[in-house]
Amino acid sequence: MYQPLPIILGETVEDKLSNQDIPTGDGGFARDYAVNLKEKDRILIEIISDQFDTIVILMTEDGQTVAENDDAPDGSTNSLLFTTITTEGKYIIRVRSFALTGGGDFTIRVAKMQEIGVTP
């Protein structure tokens, strides 16, 4: 049964993308994480790997894409996604490789961003 791995805001996880993960239907594989988010949460999701070109996709629980990122602004093949949540609920973070090939070790970080000058 499909069961995304749980992850919480502020957590960093080291993991691996392999052919044991979710088949995408066109030769690639994806690894999913479930996170609970609140309305107006400003989040960042970072995927770092020196073994494959990462892509991160944030989806609603029913599979609708909210946001995605291929390459980080620094020009690397890592992924860095910034977004503001509009509806409270459970979201899926999908990690996959560009061109749907390859895989390997990666680090995923999910964090809540604070507005500058605002005390939490």
PDB file of N, CA and C in Angstrom:
ATOM      1  N   MET A   1       0.835  -1.189   0.000  1.00  0.00           N
ATOM      2  CA  MET A   1       0.000   0.000   0.000  1.00  0.00           C
ATOM      3  C   MET A   1       0.878   1.249   0.000  1.00  0.00           C
ATOM      4  N   TYR A   2       0.473   2.246  -0.780  1.00  0.00           N
ATOM      5  CA  TYR A   2       1.222   3.498  -0.890  1.00  0.00           C
ATOM      6  C   TYR A   2       1.233   4.217   0.443  1.00  0.00           C
ATOM      7  N   GLN A   3       2.413   4.552   0.919  1.00  0.00           N
ATOM      8  CA  GLN A   3       2.562   5.208   2.208  1.00  0.00           C
ATOM      9  C   GLN A   3       3.745   6.168   2.141  1.00  0.00           C
ATOM     10  N   PRO A   4       3.504   7.480   1.879  1.00  0.00           N
ATOM     11  CA  PRO A   4       4.622   8.422   1.873  1.00  0.00           C
ATOM     12  C   PRO A   4       5.315   8.445   3.241  1.00  0.00           C
ATOM     13  N   LEU A   5       6.605   8.678   3.226  1.00  0.00           N
ATOM     14  CA  LEU A   5       7.365   8.755   4.469  1.00  0.00           C
ATOM     15  C   LEU A   5       7.041  10.059   5.182  1.00  0.00           C
ATOM     16  N   PRO A   6       6.818  10.038   6.488  1.00  0.00           N
ATOM     17  CA  PRO A   6       6.515  11.282   7.198  1.00  0.00           C
ATOM     18  C   PRO A   6       7.763  12.150   7.351  1.00  0.00           C
ATOM     19  N   ILE A   7       7.556  13.461   7.240  1.00  0.00           N
ATOM     20  CA  ILE A   7       8.614  14.437   7.483  1.00  0.00           C
ATOM     21  C   ILE A   7       7.945  15.654   8.114  1.00  0.00           C
ATOM     22  N   ILE A   8       8.657  16.357   8.989  1.00  0.00           N
ATOM     23  CA  ILE A   8       8.078  17.527   9.648  1.00  0.00           C
ATOM     24  C   ILE A   8       8.914  18.763   9.345  1.00  0.00           C
ATOM     25  N   LEU A   9       8.279  19.926   9.481  1.00  0.00           N
ATOM     26  CA  LEU A   9       8.996  21.184   9.283  1.00  0.00           C
ATOM     27  C   LEU A   9      10.186  21.240  10.223  1.00  0.00           C
ATOM     28  N   GLY A  10      11.309  21.675   9.714  1.00  0.00           N
ATOM     29  CA  GLY A  10      12.525  21.773  10.498  1.00  0.00           C
ATOM     30  C   GLY A  10      13.389  20.529  10.448  1.00  0.00           C
ATOM     31  N   GLU A  11      12.923  19.508   9.745  1.00  0.00           N
ATOM     32  CA  GLU A  11      13.647  18.238   9.705  1.00  0.00           C
ATOM     33  C   GLU A  11      14.538  18.137   8.468  1.00  0.00           C
ATOM     34  N   THR A  12      15.698  17.522   8.649  1.00  0.00           N
ATOM     35  CA  THR A  12      16.606  17.185   7.557  1.00  0.00           C
ATOM     36  C   THR A  12      16.797  15.674   7.582  1.00  0.00           C
ATOM     37  N   VAL A  13      16.621  15.040   6.408  1.00  0.00           N
ATOM     38  CA  VAL A  13      16.689  13.585   6.321  1.00  0.00           C
ATOM     39  C   VAL A  13      17.651  13.198   5.207  1.00  0.00           C
ATOM     40  N   GLU A  14      18.515  12.226   5.476  1.00  0.00           N
ATOM     41  CA  GLU A  14      19.364  11.643   4.436  1.00  0.00           C
ATOM     42  C   GLU A  14      18.680  10.376   3.947  1.00  0.00           C
ATOM     43  N   ASP A  15      18.586  10.226   2.620  1.00  0.00           N
ATOM     44  CA  ASP A  15      17.836   9.111   2.061  1.00  0.00           C
ATOM     45  C   ASP A  15      18.452   8.696   0.732  1.00  0.00           C
ATOM     46  N   LYS A  16      17.778   7.793   0.025  1.00  0.00           N
ATOM     47  CA  LYS A  16      18.288   7.285  -1.246  1.00  0.00           C
ATOM     48  C   LYS A  16      17.131   7.080  -2.214  1.00  0.00           C
ATOM     49  N   LEU A  17      17.305   7.524  -3.462  1.00  0.00           N
ATOM     50  CA  LEU A  17      16.358   7.278  -4.543  1.00  0.00           C
ATOM     51  C   LEU A  17      16.869   6.084  -5.336  1.00  0.00           C
ATOM     52  N   SER A  18      15.998   5.063  -5.507  1.00  0.00           N
ATOM     53  CA  SER A  18      16.441   3.848  -6.201  1.00  0.00           C
ATOM     54  C   SER A  18      15.282   3.230  -6.982  1.00  0.00           C
ATOM     55  N   ASN A  19      15.574   2.143  -7.669  1.00  0.00           N
ATOM     56  CA  ASN A  19      14.539   1.451  -8.432  1.00  0.00           C
ATOM     57  C   ASN A  19      13.574   0.685  -7.528  1.00  0.00           C
ATOM     58  N   GLN A  20      13.757   0.773  -6.221  1.00  0.00           N
ATOM     59  CA  GLN A  20      12.817   0.193  -5.263  1.00  0.00           C
ATOM     60  C   GLN A  20      11.719   1.182  -4.886  1.00  0.00           C
ATOM     61  N   ASP A  21      11.829   2.429  -5.388  1.00  0.00           N
ATOM     62  CA  ASP A  21      10.854   3.469  -5.073  1.00  0.00           C
ATOM     63  C   ASP A  21       9.680   3.434  -6.051  1.00  0.00           C
ATOM     64  N   ILE A  22       8.864   4.463  -6.047  1.00  0.00           N
ATOM     65  CA  ILE A  22       7.630   4.510  -6.837  1.00  0.00           C
ATOM     66  C   ILE A  22       7.961   4.645  -8.318  1.00  0.00           C
ATOM     67  N   PRO A  23       7.533   3.700  -9.171  1.00  0.00           N
ATOM     68  CA  PRO A  23       7.759   3.851 -10.613  1.00  0.00           C
ATOM     69  C   PRO A  23       6.928   5.014 -11.148  1.00  0.00           C
ATOM     70  N   THR A  24       7.532   5.838 -11.990  1.00  0.00           N
ATOM     71  CA  THR A  24       6.817   6.992 -12.545  1.00  0.00           C
ATOM     72  C   THR A  24       6.106   6.658 -13.844  1.00  0.00           C
ATOM     73  N   GLY A  25       6.346   5.469 -14.396  1.00  0.00           N
ATOM     74  CA  GLY A  25       5.668   5.061 -15.611  1.00  0.00           C
ATOM     75  C   GLY A  25       6.448   5.318 -16.876  1.00  0.00           C
ATOM     76  N   ASP A  26       7.509   6.085 -16.776  1.00  0.00           N
ATOM     77  CA  ASP A  26       8.325   6.361 -17.958  1.00  0.00           C
ATOM     78  C   ASP A  26       9.800   6.105 -17.682  1.00  0.00           C
ATOM     79  N   GLY A  27      10.062   5.079 -16.886  1.00  0.00           N
ATOM     80  CA  GLY A  27      11.435   4.658 -16.664  1.00  0.00           C
ATOM     81  C   GLY A  27      12.096   5.203 -15.422  1.00  0.00           C
ATOM     82  N   GLY A  28      11.478   6.166 -14.775  1.00  0.00           N
ATOM     83  CA  GLY A  28      12.079   6.761 -13.585  1.00  0.00           C
ATOM     84  C   GLY A  28      11.398   6.301 -12.307  1.00  0.00           C
ATOM     85  N   PHE A  29      11.903   6.814 -11.208  1.00  0.00           N
ATOM     86  CA  PHE A  29      11.370   6.481  -9.895  1.00  0.00           C
ATOM     87  C   PHE A  29      11.265   7.741  -9.054  1.00  0.00           C
ATOM     88  N   ALA A  30      10.365   7.725  -8.073  1.00  0.00           N
ATOM     89  CA  ALA A  30      10.153   8.871  -7.190  1.00  0.00           C
ATOM     90  C   ALA A  30      10.038   8.383  -5.755  1.00  0.00           C
ATOM     91  N   ARG A  31      10.403   9.269  -4.833  1.00  0.00           N
ATOM     92  CA  ARG A  31      10.282   8.971  -3.401  1.00  0.00           C
ATOM     93  C   ARG A  31       9.424  10.079  -2.808  1.00  0.00           C
ATOM     94  N   ASP A  32       8.372   9.699  -2.076  1.00  0.00           N
ATOM     95  CA  ASP A  32       7.417  10.666  -1.537  1.00  0.00           C
ATOM     96  C   ASP A  32       7.520  10.793  -0.026  1.00  0.00           C
ATOM     97  N   TYR A  33       7.270  12.014   0.436  1.00  0.00           N
ATOM     98  CA  TYR A  33       7.222  12.346   1.857  1.00  0.00           C
ATOM     99  C   TYR A  33       5.911  13.064   2.124  1.00  0.00           C
ATOM    100  N   ALA A  34       5.313  12.845   3.288  1.00  0.00           N
ATOM    101  CA  ALA A  34       4.081  13.525   3.685  1.00  0.00           C
ATOM    102  C   ALA A  34       4.413  14.540   4.773  1.00  0.00           C
ATOM    103  N   VAL A  35       3.875  15.756   4.617  1.00  0.00           N
ATOM    104  CA  VAL A  35       4.101  16.815   5.591  1.00  0.00           C
ATOM    105  C   VAL A  35       2.784  17.555   5.819  1.00  0.00           C
ATOM    106  N   ASN A  36       2.512  17.891   7.067  1.00  0.00           N
ATOM    107  CA  ASN A  36       1.330  18.684   7.401  1.00  0.00           C
ATOM    108  C   ASN A  36       1.721  20.151   7.437  1.00  0.00           C
ATOM    109  N   LEU A  37       0.972  20.969   6.700  1.00  0.00           N
ATOM    110  CA  LEU A  37       1.277  22.393   6.598  1.00  0.00           C
ATOM    111  C   LEU A  37       0.038  23.215   6.909  1.00  0.00           C
ATOM    112  N   LYS A  38       0.275  24.432   7.401  1.00  0.00           N
ATOM    113  CA  LYS A  38      -0.817  25.337   7.749  1.00  0.00           C
ATOM    114  C   LYS A  38      -0.922  26.455   6.722  1.00  0.00           C
ATOM    115  N   GLU A  39      -2.120  27.011   6.618  1.00  0.00           N
ATOM    116  CA  GLU A  39      -2.330  28.155   5.742  1.00  0.00           C
ATOM    117  C   GLU A  39      -1.356  29.269   6.128  1.00  0.00           C
ATOM    118  N   LYS A  40      -0.764  29.892   5.135  1.00  0.00           N
ATOM    119  CA  LYS A  40       0.201  30.997   5.261  1.00  0.00           C
ATOM    120  C   LYS A  40       1.592  30.545   5.693  1.00  0.00           C
ATOM    121  N   ASP A  41       1.818  29.234   5.863  1.00  0.00           N
ATOM    122  CA  ASP A  41       3.191  28.763   6.098  1.00  0.00           C
ATOM    123  C   ASP A  41       4.031  29.146   4.889  1.00  0.00           C
ATOM    124  N   ARG A  42       5.163  29.768   5.131  1.00  0.00           N
ATOM    125  CA  ARG A  42       6.137  30.074   4.075  1.00  0.00           C
ATOM    126  C   ARG A  42       7.247  29.049   4.246  1.00  0.00           C
ATOM    127  N   ILE A  43       7.377  28.156   3.267  1.00  0.00           N
ATOM    128  CA  ILE A  43       8.306  27.043   3.441  1.00  0.00           C
ATOM    129  C   ILE A  43       9.374  27.015   2.356  1.00  0.00           C
ATOM    130  N   LEU A  44      10.454  26.336   2.693  1.00  0.00           N
ATOM    131  CA  LEU A  44      11.462  26.009   1.688  1.00  0.00           C
ATOM    132  C   LEU A  44      11.706  24.516   1.773  1.00  0.00           C
ATOM    133  N   ILE A  45      11.915  23.935   0.601  1.00  0.00           N
ATOM    134  CA  ILE A  45      12.254  22.521   0.497  1.00  0.00           C
ATOM    135  C   ILE A  45      13.530  22.451  -0.321  1.00  0.00           C
ATOM    136  N   GLU A  46      14.553  21.838   0.251  1.00  0.00           N
ATOM    137  CA  GLU A  46      15.854  21.740  -0.411  1.00  0.00           C
ATOM    138  C   GLU A  46      16.217  20.269  -0.581  1.00  0.00           C
ATOM    139  N   ILE A  47      16.629  19.912  -1.800  1.00  0.00           N
ATOM    140  CA  ILE A  47      17.101  18.558  -2.094  1.00  0.00           C
ATOM    141  C   ILE A  47      18.532  18.688  -2.599  1.00  0.00           C
ATOM    142  N   ILE A  48      19.457  17.999  -1.944  1.00  0.00           N
ATOM    143  CA  ILE A  48      20.873  18.070  -2.304  1.00  0.00           C
ATOM    144  C   ILE A  48      21.372  16.662  -2.621  1.00  0.00           C
ATOM    145  N   SER A  49      22.033  16.528  -3.774  1.00  0.00           N
ATOM    146  CA  SER A  49      22.655  15.253  -4.133  1.00  0.00           C
ATOM    147  C   SER A  49      23.829  15.513  -5.057  1.00  0.00           C
ATOM    148  N   ASP A  50      24.914  14.798  -4.830  1.00  0.00           N
ATOM    149  CA  ASP A  50      26.030  14.861  -5.781  1.00  0.00           C
ATOM    150  C   ASP A  50      26.011  13.630  -6.687  1.00  0.00           C
ATOM    151  N   GLN A  51      24.927  12.827  -6.604  1.00  0.00           N
ATOM    152  CA  GLN A  51      24.829  11.606  -7.406  1.00  0.00           C
ATOM    153  C   GLN A  51      23.793  11.685  -8.523  1.00  0.00           C
ATOM    154  N   PHE A  52      22.867  12.635  -8.450  1.00  0.00           N
ATOM    155  CA  PHE A  52      21.884  12.795  -9.526  1.00  0.00           C
ATOM    156  C   PHE A  52      21.334  14.218  -9.538  1.00  0.00           C
ATOM    157  N   ASP A  53      20.749  14.600 -10.667  1.00  0.00           N
ATOM    158  CA  ASP A  53      20.135  15.914 -10.877  1.00  0.00           C
ATOM    159  C   ASP A  53      18.721  15.856 -10.294  1.00  0.00           C
ATOM    160  N   THR A  54      18.501  16.558  -9.182  1.00  0.00           N
ATOM    161  CA  THR A  54      17.256  16.434  -8.431  1.00  0.00           C
ATOM    162  C   THR A  54      16.129  17.306  -8.981  1.00  0.00           C
ATOM    163  N   ILE A  55      14.910  16.842  -8.752  1.00  0.00           N
ATOM    164  CA  ILE A  55      13.694  17.625  -8.973  1.00  0.00           C
ATOM    165  C   ILE A  55      12.826  17.426  -7.738  1.00  0.00           C
ATOM    166  N   VAL A  56      12.218  18.516  -7.243  1.00  0.00           N
ATOM    167  CA  VAL A  56      11.295  18.416  -6.118  1.00  0.00           C
ATOM    168  C   VAL A  56       9.940  18.961  -6.562  1.00  0.00           C
ATOM    169  N   ILE A  57       8.885  18.250  -6.176  1.00  0.00           N
ATOM    170  CA  ILE A  57       7.520  18.651  -6.498  1.00  0.00           C
ATOM    171  C   ILE A  57       6.709  18.632  -5.206  1.00  0.00           C
ATOM    172  N   LEU A  58       6.016  19.739  -4.928  1.00  0.00           N
ATOM    173  CA  LEU A  58       5.097  19.803  -3.793  1.00  0.00           C
ATOM    174  C   LEU A  58       3.690  19.621  -4.346  1.00  0.00           C
ATOM    175  N   MET A  59       2.963  18.641  -3.795  1.00  0.00           N
ATOM    176  CA  MET A  59       1.618  18.326  -4.282  1.00  0.00           C
ATOM    177  C   MET A  59       0.624  18.293  -3.126  1.00  0.00           C
ATOM    178  N   THR A  60      -0.639  18.529  -3.463  1.00  0.00           N
ATOM    179  CA  THR A  60      -1.695  18.302  -2.492  1.00  0.00           C
ATOM    180  C   THR A  60      -1.816  16.799  -2.276  1.00  0.00           C
ATOM    181  N   GLU A  61      -2.553  16.422  -1.254  1.00  0.00           N
ATOM    182  CA  GLU A  61      -2.703  14.994  -0.949  1.00  0.00           C
ATOM    183  C   GLU A  61      -3.356  14.224  -2.098  1.00  0.00           C
ATOM    184  N   ASP A  62      -4.169  14.925  -2.919  1.00  0.00           N
ATOM    185  CA  ASP A  62      -4.817  14.250  -4.049  1.00  0.00           C
ATOM    186  C   ASP A  62      -4.015  14.343  -5.346  1.00  0.00           C
ATOM    187  N   GLY A  63      -2.756  14.809  -5.259  1.00  0.00           N
ATOM    188  CA  GLY A  63      -1.854  14.762  -6.405  1.00  0.00           C
ATOM    189  C   GLY A  63      -1.776  16.000  -7.277  1.00  0.00           C
ATOM    190  N   GLN A  64      -2.429  17.101  -6.891  1.00  0.00           N
ATOM    191  CA  GLN A  64      -2.351  18.340  -7.663  1.00  0.00           C
ATOM    192  C   GLN A  64      -1.027  19.053  -7.357  1.00  0.00           C
ATOM    193  N   THR A  65      -0.292  19.431  -8.401  1.00  0.00           N
ATOM    194  CA  THR A  65       0.990  20.112  -8.206  1.00  0.00           C
ATOM    195  C   THR A  65       0.764  21.522  -7.678  1.00  0.00           C
ATOM    196  N   VAL A  66       1.460  21.867  -6.589  1.00  0.00           N
ATOM    197  CA  VAL A  66       1.417  23.202  -5.997  1.00  0.00           C
ATOM    198  C   VAL A  66       2.602  24.012  -6.500  1.00  0.00           C
ATOM    199  N   ALA A  67       3.785  23.407  -6.494  1.00  0.00           N
ATOM    200  CA  ALA A  67       5.014  24.073  -6.934  1.00  0.00           C
ATOM    201  C   ALA A  67       6.059  23.009  -7.219  1.00  0.00           C
ATOM    202  N   GLU A  68       7.033  23.358  -8.066  1.00  0.00           N
ATOM    203  CA  GLU A  68       8.135  22.432  -8.319  1.00  0.00           C
ATOM    204  C   GLU A  68       9.392  23.208  -8.667  1.00  0.00           C
ATOM    205  N   ASN A  69      10.533  22.540  -8.518  1.00  0.00           N
ATOM    206  CA  ASN A  69      11.815  23.150  -8.840  1.00  0.00           C
ATOM    207  C   ASN A  69      12.771  22.081  -9.342  1.00  0.00           C
ATOM    208  N   ASP A  70      13.528  22.455 -10.370  1.00  0.00           N
ATOM    209  CA  ASP A  70      14.553  21.570 -10.923  1.00  0.00           C
ATOM    210  C   ASP A  70      15.911  21.984 -10.369  1.00  0.00           C
ATOM    211  N   ASP A  71      16.426  23.109 -10.806  1.00  0.00           N
ATOM    212  CA  ASP A  71      17.765  23.540 -10.392  1.00  0.00           C
ATOM    213  C   ASP A  71      17.690  24.760  -9.478  1.00  0.00           C
ATOM    214  N   ALA A  72      18.513  24.742  -8.432  1.00  0.00           N
ATOM    215  CA  ALA A  72      18.567  25.834  -7.467  1.00  0.00           C
ATOM    216  C   ALA A  72      19.104  27.104  -8.125  1.00  0.00           C
ATOM    217  N   PRO A  73      18.818  28.275  -7.533  1.00  0.00           N
ATOM    218  CA  PRO A  73      19.288  29.542  -8.097  1.00  0.00           C
ATOM    219  C   PRO A  73      20.810  29.661  -8.195  1.00  0.00           C
ATOM    220  N   ASP A  74      21.545  28.831  -7.442  1.00  0.00           N
ATOM    221  CA  ASP A  74      23.007  28.907  -7.489  1.00  0.00           C
ATOM    222  C   ASP A  74      23.590  28.227  -8.728  1.00  0.00           C
ATOM    223  N   GLY A  75      22.724  27.681  -9.596  1.00  0.00           N
ATOM    224  CA  GLY A  75      23.196  27.053 -10.825  1.00  0.00           C
ATOM    225  C   GLY A  75      23.555  25.586 -10.676  1.00  0.00           C
ATOM    226  N   SER A  76      23.416  25.047  -9.482  1.00  0.00           N
ATOM    227  CA  SER A  76      23.709  23.626  -9.271  1.00  0.00           C
ATOM    228  C   SER A  76      22.533  22.778  -9.760  1.00  0.00           C
ATOM    229  N   THR A  77      22.707  21.473  -9.730  1.00  0.00           N
ATOM    230  CA  THR A  77      21.614  20.574 -10.108  1.00  0.00           C
ATOM    231  C   THR A  77      20.793  20.141  -8.892  1.00  0.00           C
ATOM    232  N   ASN A  78      21.041  20.775  -7.748  1.00  0.00           N
ATOM    233  CA  ASN A  78      20.211  20.550  -6.569  1.00  0.00           C
ATOM    234  C   ASN A  78      18.901  21.319  -6.738  1.00  0.00           C
ATOM    235  N   SER A  79      17.913  21.021  -5.910  1.00  0.00           N
ATOM    236  CA  SER A  79      16.611  21.687  -6.004  1.00  0.00           C
ATOM    237  C   SER A  79      16.361  22.530  -4.766  1.00  0.00           C
ATOM    238  N   LEU A  80      15.750  23.706  -4.980  1.00  0.00           N
ATOM    239  CA  LEU A  80      15.406  24.611  -3.886  1.00  0.00           C
ATOM    240  C   LEU A  80      14.068  25.247  -4.220  1.00  0.00           C
ATOM    241  N   LEU A  81      13.051  24.920  -3.446  1.00  0.00           N
ATOM    242  CA  LEU A  81      11.695  25.383  -3.707  1.00  0.00           C
ATOM    243  C   LEU A  81      11.240  26.269  -2.559  1.00  0.00           C
ATOM    244  N   PHE A  82      10.703  27.441  -2.893  1.00  0.00           N
ATOM    245  CA  PHE A  82      10.102  28.352  -1.919  1.00  0.00           C
ATOM    246  C   PHE A  82       8.629  28.499  -2.283  1.00  0.00           C
ATOM    247  N   THR A  83       7.744  28.432  -1.300  1.00  0.00           N
ATOM    248  CA  THR A  83       6.325  28.654  -1.590  1.00  0.00           C
ATOM    249  C   THR A  83       5.583  29.031  -0.314  1.00  0.00           C
ATOM    250  N   THR A  84       4.412  29.630  -0.500  1.00  0.00           N
ATOM    251  CA  THR A  84       3.511  29.955   0.605  1.00  0.00           C
ATOM    252  C   THR A  84       2.273  29.078   0.475  1.00  0.00           C
ATOM    253  N   ILE A  85       1.900  28.442   1.552  1.00  0.00           N
ATOM    254  CA  ILE A  85       0.763  27.522   1.565  1.00  0.00           C
ATOM    255  C   ILE A  85      -0.536  28.321   1.674  1.00  0.00           C
ATOM    256  N   THR A  86      -1.506  27.991   0.831  1.00  0.00           N
ATOM    257  CA  THR A  86      -2.785  28.710   0.830  1.00  0.00           C
ATOM    258  C   THR A  86      -3.905  27.942   1.535  1.00  0.00           C
ATOM    259  N   THR A  87      -3.727  26.639   1.700  1.00  0.00           N
ATOM    260  CA  THR A  87      -4.758  25.816   2.338  1.00  0.00           C
ATOM    261  C   THR A  87      -4.104  24.833   3.303  1.00  0.00           C
ATOM    262  N   GLU A  88      -4.571  24.823   4.543  1.00  0.00           N
ATOM    263  CA  GLU A  88      -4.033  23.892   5.534  1.00  0.00           C
ATOM    264  C   GLU A  88      -4.329  22.453   5.134  1.00  0.00           C
ATOM    265  N   GLY A  89      -3.370  21.572   5.384  1.00  0.00           N
ATOM    266  CA  GLY A  89      -3.614  20.167   5.092  1.00  0.00           C
ATOM    267  C   GLY A  89      -2.347  19.363   4.969  1.00  0.00           C
ATOM    268  N   LYS A  90      -2.520  18.139   4.501  1.00  0.00           N
ATOM    269  CA  LYS A  90      -1.406  17.223   4.277  1.00  0.00           C
ATOM    270  C   LYS A  90      -0.928  17.408   2.840  1.00  0.00           C
ATOM    271  N   TYR A  91       0.377  17.536   2.669  1.00  0.00           N
ATOM    272  CA  TYR A  91       0.986  17.717   1.355  1.00  0.00           C
ATOM    273  C   TYR A  91       1.999  16.607   1.118  1.00  0.00           C
ATOM    274  N   ILE A  92       2.256  16.342  -0.153  1.00  0.00           N
ATOM    275  CA  ILE A  92       3.234  15.339  -0.554  1.00  0.00           C
ATOM    276  C   ILE A  92       4.423  16.050  -1.192  1.00  0.00           C
ATOM    277  N   ILE A  93       5.619  15.720  -0.735  1.00  0.00           N
ATOM    278  CA  ILE A  93       6.855  16.203  -1.347  1.00  0.00           C
ATOM    279  C   ILE A  93       7.423  15.036  -2.141  1.00  0.00           C
ATOM    280  N   ARG A  94       7.545  15.213  -3.441  1.00  0.00           N
ATOM    281  CA  ARG A  94       8.063  14.147  -4.310  1.00  0.00           C
ATOM    282  C   ARG A  94       9.481  14.499  -4.751  1.00  0.00           C
ATOM    283  N   VAL A  95      10.402  13.569  -4.558  1.00  0.00           N
ATOM    284  CA  VAL A  95      11.787  13.700  -5.011  1.00  0.00           C
ATOM    285  C   VAL A  95      11.980  12.739  -6.173  1.00  0.00           C
ATOM    286  N   ARG A  96      12.521  13.258  -7.277  1.00  0.00           N
ATOM    287  CA  ARG A  96      12.852  12.399  -8.414  1.00  0.00           C
ATOM    288  C   ARG A  96      14.056  12.989  -9.128  1.00  0.00           C
ATOM    289  N   SER A  97      14.552  12.262 -10.109  1.00  0.00           N
ATOM    290  CA  SER A  97      15.709  12.757 -10.854  1.00  0.00           C
ATOM    291  C   SER A  97      15.266  13.365 -12.176  1.00  0.00           C
ATOM    292  N   PHE A  98      16.036  14.344 -12.653  1.00  0.00           N
ATOM    293  CA  PHE A  98      15.775  14.962 -13.945  1.00  0.00           C
ATOM    294  C   PHE A  98      15.936  13.914 -15.037  1.00  0.00           C
ATOM    295  N   ALA A  99      15.121  13.998 -16.055  1.00  0.00           N
ATOM    296  CA  ALA A  99      15.132  13.077 -17.196  1.00  0.00           C
ATOM    297  C   ALA A  99      14.727  11.666 -16.780  1.00  0.00           C
ATOM    298  N   LEU A 100      14.229  11.548 -15.553  1.00  0.00           N
ATOM    299  CA  LEU A 100      13.674  10.287 -15.046  1.00  0.00           C
ATOM    300  C   LEU A 100      14.654   9.133 -15.049  1.00  0.00           C
ATOM    301  N   THR A 101      15.932   9.438 -15.003  1.00  0.00           N
ATOM    302  CA  THR A 101      16.943   8.388 -14.914  1.00  0.00           C
ATOM    303  C   THR A 101      17.875   8.696 -13.758  1.00  0.00           C
ATOM    304  N   GLY A 102      18.541   7.697 -13.293  1.00  0.00           N
ATOM    305  CA  GLY A 102      19.513   7.895 -12.222  1.00  0.00           C
ATOM    306  C   GLY A 102      18.858   7.897 -10.860  1.00  0.00           C
ATOM    307  N   GLY A 103      19.671   8.057  -9.887  1.00  0.00           N
ATOM    308  CA  GLY A 103      19.245   8.062  -8.498  1.00  0.00           C
ATOM    309  C   GLY A 103      20.477   8.015  -7.632  1.00  0.00           C
ATOM    310  N   GLY A 104      20.283   7.821  -6.362  1.00  0.00           N
ATOM    311  CA  GLY A 104      21.394   7.760  -5.431  1.00  0.00           C
ATOM    312  C   GLY A 104      21.047   8.451  -4.133  1.00  0.00           C
ATOM    313  N   ASP A 105      22.074   8.729  -3.354  1.00  0.00           N
ATOM    314  CA  ASP A 105      21.897   9.366  -2.054  1.00  0.00           C
ATOM    315  C   ASP A 105      21.489  10.825  -2.230  1.00  0.00           C
ATOM    316  N   PHE A 106      20.650  11.299  -1.296  1.00  0.00           N
ATOM    317  CA  PHE A 106      20.268  12.710  -1.286  1.00  0.00           C
ATOM    318  C   PHE A 106      19.910  13.130   0.129  1.00  0.00           C
ATOM    319  N   THR A 107      19.872  14.433   0.336  1.00  0.00           N
ATOM    320  CA  THR A 107      19.428  15.023   1.595  1.00  0.00           C
ATOM    321  C   THR A 107      18.221  15.893   1.295  1.00  0.00           C
ATOM    322  N   ILE A 108      17.171  15.752   2.091  1.00  0.00           N
ATOM    323  CA  ILE A 108      15.988  16.600   1.973  1.00  0.00           C
ATOM    324  C   ILE A 108      15.854  17.417   3.249  1.00  0.00           C
ATOM    325  N   ARG A 109      15.614  18.711   3.063  1.00  0.00           N
ATOM    326  CA  ARG A 109      15.396  19.610   4.204  1.00  0.00           C
ATOM    327  C   ARG A 109      14.101  20.361   3.958  1.00  0.00           C
ATOM    328  N   VAL A 110      13.242  20.389   4.965  1.00  0.00           N
ATOM    329  CA  VAL A 110      11.978  21.116   4.896  1.00  0.00           C
ATOM    330  C   VAL A 110      11.969  22.098   6.062  1.00  0.00           C
ATOM    331  N   ALA A 111      11.817  23.383   5.763  1.00  0.00           N
ATOM    332  CA  ALA A 111      11.896  24.393   6.817  1.00  0.00           C
ATOM    333  C   ALA A 111      10.841  25.468   6.616  1.00  0.00           C
ATOM    334  N   LYS A 112      10.422  26.049   7.720  1.00  0.00           N
ATOM    335  CA  LYS A 112       9.506  27.182   7.689  1.00  0.00           C
ATOM    336  C   LYS A 112      10.343  28.450   7.700  1.00  0.00           C
ATOM    337  N   MET A 113      10.055  29.348   6.760  1.00  0.00           N
ATOM    338  CA  MET A 113      10.795  30.606   6.687  1.00  0.00           C
ATOM    339  C   MET A 113      10.118  31.645   7.574  1.00  0.00           C
ATOM    340  N   GLN A 114      10.918  32.498   8.170  1.00  0.00           N
ATOM    341  CA  GLN A 114      10.417  33.598   8.982  1.00  0.00           C
ATOM    342  C   GLN A 114      10.546  34.895   8.200  1.00  0.00           C
ATOM    343  N   GLU A 115       9.567  35.770   8.365  1.00  0.00           N
ATOM    344  CA  GLU A 115       9.676  37.078   7.735  1.00  0.00           C
ATOM    345  C   GLU A 115      10.766  37.864   8.439  1.00  0.00           C
ATOM    346  N   ILE A 116      11.498  38.644   7.666  1.00  0.00           N
ATOM    347  CA  ILE A 116      12.560  39.469   8.235  1.00  0.00           C
ATOM    348  C   ILE A 116      11.940  40.496   9.171  1.00  0.00           C
ATOM    349  N   GLY A 117      12.497  40.601  10.360  1.00  0.00           N
ATOM    350  CA  GLY A 117      12.016  41.569  11.333  1.00  0.00           C
ATOM    351  C   GLY A 117      10.829  41.090  12.157  1.00  0.00           C
ATOM    352  N   VAL A 118      10.410  39.846  11.963  1.00  0.00           N
ATOM    353  CA  VAL A 118       9.287  39.294  12.716  1.00  0.00           C
ATOM    354  C   VAL A 118       9.824  38.257  13.686  1.00  0.00           C
ATOM    355  N   THR A 119       9.478  38.396  14.949  1.00  0.00           N
ATOM    356  CA  THR A 119       9.916  37.450  15.967  1.00  0.00           C
ATOM    357  C   THR A 119       8.925  36.296  16.038  1.00  0.00           C
ATOM    358  N   PRO A 120       9.436  35.051  16.003  1.00  0.00           N
ATOM    359  CA  PRO A 120       8.510  33.899  16.045  1.00  0.00           C
ATOM    360  C   PRO A 120       7.748  33.813  17.347  1.00  0.00           C
TER     361      PRO A 120
END
